[in-house]
Amino acid sequence: MNSIPEKFKSAFWDTAFEQLDNEKNKLFIISRLYCYGGMEGIYWVEHFYSDKDIIETAKNRRDLNPIVANHLRKKFGLEKKEMKYYSMPHDWR
């Protein structure tokens, strides 16, 4: 079931927005809204999902941007070695 507000649809430009499932696709949804949902998207994620879900996203998603990865690392006291984002080279220009 998708209860993501329609105003965030543009953050999922390459996805069938209506088919997203809040539980099955939660790591993808959290990652996308942290990176492309602006402050409203982050606010929605932090109120809809648990800290446990956000930490799981921080640890397992490689598609974060550098600012989001660093923010989540600091917010939740994570080590870089715990996060898949830091285990691969990035070319952010």
N, C-alpha and C. Protein backbone atom coordinates (compact mmCIF):
# COMPACT_ATOMS: atom_id res chain seq x y z
N MET A 1 0.84 -1.18 0.00
CA MET A 1 0.00 0.00 0.00
C MET A 1 0.88 1.24 0.00
N ASN A 2 0.52 2.22 -0.79
CA ASN A 2 1.28 3.46 -0.91
C ASN A 2 0.53 4.61 -0.26
N SER A 3 1.09 5.14 0.81
CA SER A 3 0.50 6.31 1.44
C SER A 3 1.44 7.51 1.37
N ILE A 4 2.36 7.46 0.42
CA ILE A 4 3.29 8.58 0.22
C ILE A 4 2.49 9.73 -0.37
N PRO A 5 2.61 10.92 0.21
CA PRO A 5 1.88 12.06 -0.36
C PRO A 5 2.25 12.32 -1.82
N GLU A 6 1.28 12.65 -2.61
CA GLU A 6 1.43 12.89 -4.04
C GLU A 6 2.49 13.96 -4.33
N LYS A 7 2.67 14.91 -3.41
CA LYS A 7 3.64 15.99 -3.65
C LYS A 7 5.08 15.48 -3.76
N PHE A 8 5.33 14.24 -3.33
CA PHE A 8 6.68 13.67 -3.42
C PHE A 8 6.87 12.79 -4.65
N LYS A 9 5.88 12.73 -5.51
CA LYS A 9 5.94 11.86 -6.69
C LYS A 9 7.17 12.13 -7.55
N SER A 10 7.58 13.39 -7.65
CA SER A 10 8.73 13.73 -8.50
C SER A 10 10.04 13.11 -8.00
N ALA A 11 10.11 12.74 -6.73
CA ALA A 11 11.31 12.09 -6.18
C ALA A 11 11.45 10.65 -6.70
N PHE A 12 10.37 10.14 -7.29
CA PHE A 12 10.35 8.76 -7.79
C PHE A 12 10.15 8.77 -9.30
N TRP A 13 10.89 9.64 -9.98
CA TRP A 13 10.74 9.86 -11.42
C TRP A 13 10.90 8.61 -12.27
N ASP A 14 11.67 7.65 -11.78
CA ASP A 14 11.97 6.45 -12.57
C ASP A 14 11.24 5.21 -12.07
N THR A 15 10.20 5.43 -11.29
CA THR A 15 9.51 4.34 -10.63
C THR A 15 8.00 4.47 -10.83
N ALA A 16 7.31 3.36 -10.83
CA ALA A 16 5.84 3.39 -10.87
C ALA A 16 5.37 3.79 -9.47
N PHE A 17 5.22 5.08 -9.26
CA PHE A 17 4.90 5.66 -7.95
C PHE A 17 3.72 4.96 -7.28
N GLU A 18 2.67 4.73 -8.03
CA GLU A 18 1.45 4.15 -7.48
C GLU A 18 1.66 2.72 -6.99
N GLN A 19 2.69 2.06 -7.48
CA GLN A 19 2.94 0.67 -7.11
C GLN A 19 3.90 0.51 -5.93
N LEU A 20 4.44 1.63 -5.44
CA LEU A 20 5.34 1.53 -4.29
C LEU A 20 4.57 1.05 -3.07
N ASP A 21 5.19 0.19 -2.31
CA ASP A 21 4.60 -0.35 -1.09
C ASP A 21 5.40 0.18 0.10
N ASN A 22 4.71 0.83 1.02
CA ASN A 22 5.38 1.48 2.15
C ASN A 22 6.25 0.53 2.96
N GLU A 23 5.88 -0.73 3.03
CA GLU A 23 6.67 -1.69 3.81
C GLU A 23 7.71 -2.40 2.94
N LYS A 24 7.29 -2.95 1.81
CA LYS A 24 8.21 -3.71 0.95
C LYS A 24 9.31 -2.82 0.38
N ASN A 25 9.01 -1.57 0.10
CA ASN A 25 9.97 -0.65 -0.53
C ASN A 25 10.48 0.42 0.41
N LYS A 26 10.40 0.18 1.72
CA LYS A 26 10.70 1.24 2.68
C LYS A 26 12.14 1.78 2.59
N LEU A 27 13.13 0.93 2.37
CA LEU A 27 14.50 1.44 2.30
C LEU A 27 14.67 2.34 1.09
N PHE A 28 14.08 1.96 -0.03
CA PHE A 28 14.12 2.78 -1.24
C PHE A 28 13.40 4.10 -1.02
N ILE A 29 12.21 4.06 -0.42
CA ILE A 29 11.42 5.27 -0.18
C ILE A 29 12.17 6.21 0.76
N ILE A 30 12.70 5.68 1.84
CA ILE A 30 13.44 6.52 2.80
C ILE A 30 14.64 7.18 2.12
N SER A 31 15.39 6.39 1.38
CA SER A 31 16.56 6.92 0.69
C SER A 31 16.18 8.02 -0.29
N ARG A 32 15.18 7.78 -1.11
CA ARG A 32 14.77 8.76 -2.12
C ARG A 32 14.27 10.06 -1.48
N LEU A 33 13.47 9.94 -0.43
CA LEU A 33 12.94 11.16 0.17
C LEU A 33 14.00 11.92 0.96
N TYR A 34 14.95 11.23 1.54
CA TYR A 34 16.06 11.94 2.19
C TYR A 34 16.89 12.69 1.15
N CYS A 35 17.08 12.09 -0.02
CA CYS A 35 17.93 12.70 -1.04
C CYS A 35 17.20 13.70 -1.93
N TYR A 36 15.92 13.45 -2.23
CA TYR A 36 15.22 14.27 -3.22
C TYR A 36 13.89 14.85 -2.74
N GLY A 37 13.53 14.62 -1.51
CA GLY A 37 12.23 15.10 -1.01
C GLY A 37 12.28 16.43 -0.29
N GLY A 38 13.47 17.02 -0.19
CA GLY A 38 13.60 18.28 0.53
C GLY A 38 13.29 18.08 2.01
N MET A 39 13.20 19.19 2.72
CA MET A 39 12.94 19.12 4.16
C MET A 39 11.58 18.50 4.45
N GLU A 40 10.60 18.75 3.59
CA GLU A 40 9.28 18.15 3.80
C GLU A 40 9.33 16.64 3.67
N GLY A 41 10.11 16.15 2.71
CA GLY A 41 10.26 14.71 2.54
C GLY A 41 10.94 14.06 3.73
N ILE A 42 11.98 14.71 4.23
CA ILE A 42 12.68 14.21 5.41
C ILE A 42 11.75 14.20 6.62
N TYR A 43 11.00 15.28 6.78
CA TYR A 43 10.05 15.38 7.89
C TYR A 43 9.02 14.25 7.81
N TRP A 44 8.50 14.00 6.60
CA TRP A 44 7.50 12.94 6.43
C TRP A 44 8.11 11.59 6.79
N VAL A 45 9.31 11.31 6.27
CA VAL A 45 9.99 10.04 6.57
C VAL A 45 10.16 9.86 8.07
N GLU A 46 10.63 10.89 8.74
CA GLU A 46 10.93 10.78 10.17
C GLU A 46 9.68 10.62 11.03
N HIS A 47 8.52 10.97 10.49
CA HIS A 47 7.28 10.78 11.22
C HIS A 47 6.55 9.51 10.81
N PHE A 48 6.79 9.03 9.60
CA PHE A 48 6.11 7.82 9.10
C PHE A 48 6.90 6.55 9.46
N TYR A 49 8.21 6.62 9.36
CA TYR A 49 9.06 5.45 9.62
C TYR A 49 9.77 5.57 10.97
N SER A 50 10.16 4.43 11.52
CA SER A 50 10.86 4.41 12.80
C SER A 50 12.35 4.72 12.61
N ASP A 51 13.01 5.07 13.70
CA ASP A 51 14.46 5.26 13.66
C ASP A 51 15.13 3.97 13.20
N LYS A 52 14.60 2.82 13.61
CA LYS A 52 15.15 1.53 13.21
C LYS A 52 15.14 1.39 11.68
N ASP A 53 14.04 1.79 11.05
CA ASP A 53 13.95 1.72 9.59
C ASP A 53 14.94 2.68 8.93
N ILE A 54 15.09 3.86 9.49
CA ILE A 54 16.01 4.85 8.92
C ILE A 54 17.46 4.39 9.09
N ILE A 55 17.78 3.82 10.23
CA ILE A 55 19.12 3.28 10.46
C ILE A 55 19.40 2.13 9.50
N GLU A 56 18.42 1.26 9.30
CA GLU A 56 18.59 0.15 8.34
C GLU A 56 18.87 0.70 6.94
N THR A 57 18.19 1.77 6.57
CA THR A 57 18.42 2.42 5.28
C THR A 57 19.85 2.97 5.23
N ALA A 58 20.25 3.69 6.28
CA ALA A 58 21.59 4.27 6.33
C ALA A 58 22.67 3.21 6.19
N LYS A 59 22.44 2.06 6.78
CA LYS A 59 23.44 0.99 6.74
C LYS A 59 23.48 0.25 5.41
N ASN A 60 22.34 0.16 4.72
CA ASN A 60 22.26 -0.75 3.58
C ASN A 60 22.10 -0.11 2.20
N ARG A 61 21.78 1.16 2.12
CA ARG A 61 21.60 1.78 0.80
C ARG A 61 22.90 2.42 0.34
N ARG A 62 23.24 2.19 -0.91
CA ARG A 62 24.44 2.78 -1.49
C ARG A 62 24.13 4.04 -2.29
N ASP A 63 22.84 4.31 -2.51
CA ASP A 63 22.45 5.41 -3.38
C ASP A 63 22.19 6.72 -2.63
N LEU A 64 22.69 6.85 -1.42
CA LEU A 64 22.57 8.11 -0.69
C LEU A 64 23.52 9.12 -1.33
N ASN A 65 23.28 10.40 -1.06
CA ASN A 65 24.27 11.38 -1.50
C ASN A 65 25.19 11.67 -0.32
N PRO A 66 26.34 12.31 -0.55
CA PRO A 66 27.32 12.49 0.53
C PRO A 66 26.78 13.23 1.75
N ILE A 67 25.96 14.24 1.53
CA ILE A 67 25.42 15.01 2.65
C ILE A 67 24.47 14.16 3.48
N VAL A 68 23.60 13.43 2.82
CA VAL A 68 22.65 12.57 3.53
C VAL A 68 23.38 11.47 4.28
N ALA A 69 24.33 10.82 3.64
CA ALA A 69 25.09 9.75 4.30
C ALA A 69 25.78 10.27 5.56
N ASN A 70 26.41 11.42 5.46
CA ASN A 70 27.10 11.99 6.61
C ASN A 70 26.11 12.40 7.70
N HIS A 71 25.00 12.99 7.31
CA HIS A 71 23.97 13.39 8.28
C HIS A 71 23.46 12.17 9.06
N LEU A 72 23.10 11.12 8.34
CA LEU A 72 22.57 9.93 9.01
C LEU A 72 23.63 9.26 9.87
N ARG A 73 24.86 9.26 9.40
CA ARG A 73 25.96 8.68 10.19
C ARG A 73 26.10 9.40 11.52
N LYS A 74 26.08 10.72 11.46
CA LYS A 74 26.24 11.50 12.69
C LYS A 74 24.99 11.44 13.58
N LYS A 75 23.83 11.54 12.96
CA LYS A 75 22.57 11.53 13.72
C LYS A 75 22.41 10.26 14.55
N PHE A 76 22.79 9.12 13.96
CA PHE A 76 22.59 7.85 14.63
C PHE A 76 23.87 7.25 15.19
N GLY A 77 24.97 7.99 15.17
CA GLY A 77 26.23 7.53 15.75
C GLY A 77 26.79 6.29 15.06
N LEU A 78 26.64 6.23 13.75
CA LEU A 78 27.12 5.08 12.99
C LEU A 78 28.58 5.27 12.59
N GLU A 79 29.27 4.18 12.43
CA GLU A 79 30.64 4.19 11.92
C GLU A 79 30.57 4.03 10.40
N LYS A 80 31.51 4.63 9.70
CA LYS A 80 31.54 4.49 8.24
C LYS A 80 31.58 3.03 7.81
N LYS A 81 32.31 2.22 8.56
CA LYS A 81 32.43 0.81 8.18
C LYS A 81 31.10 0.05 8.30
N GLU A 82 30.12 0.63 9.01
CA GLU A 82 28.80 0.00 9.12
C GLU A 82 27.90 0.32 7.93
N MET A 83 28.30 1.30 7.14
CA MET A 83 27.43 1.81 6.08
C MET A 83 27.95 1.40 4.70
N LYS A 84 27.09 0.76 3.92
CA LYS A 84 27.48 0.32 2.58
C LYS A 84 27.85 1.50 1.68
N TYR A 85 27.27 2.66 1.94
CA TYR A 85 27.58 3.85 1.14
C TYR A 85 29.09 4.09 1.10
N TYR A 86 29.75 3.93 2.22
CA TYR A 86 31.19 4.22 2.31
C TYR A 86 32.06 3.07 1.83
N SER A 87 31.47 1.95 1.49
CA SER A 87 32.26 0.79 1.06
C SER A 87 32.53 0.76 -0.44
N MET A 88 32.06 1.78 -1.15
CA MET A 88 32.28 1.81 -2.59
C MET A 88 32.72 3.21 -3.01
N PRO A 89 33.50 3.30 -4.07
CA PRO A 89 33.95 4.63 -4.53
C PRO A 89 32.77 5.41 -5.15
N HIS A 90 32.81 6.72 -4.97
CA HIS A 90 31.79 7.60 -5.53
C HIS A 90 32.46 8.68 -6.35
N ASP A 91 31.76 9.10 -7.36
CA ASP A 91 32.27 10.18 -8.22
C ASP A 91 31.23 11.31 -8.24
N TRP A 92 31.12 12.02 -7.12
CA TRP A 92 30.17 13.14 -7.02
C TRP A 92 30.86 14.40 -7.49
N ARG A 93 30.46 14.89 -8.61
CA ARG A 93 31.09 16.11 -9.15
C ARG A 93 30.18 17.28 -8.99
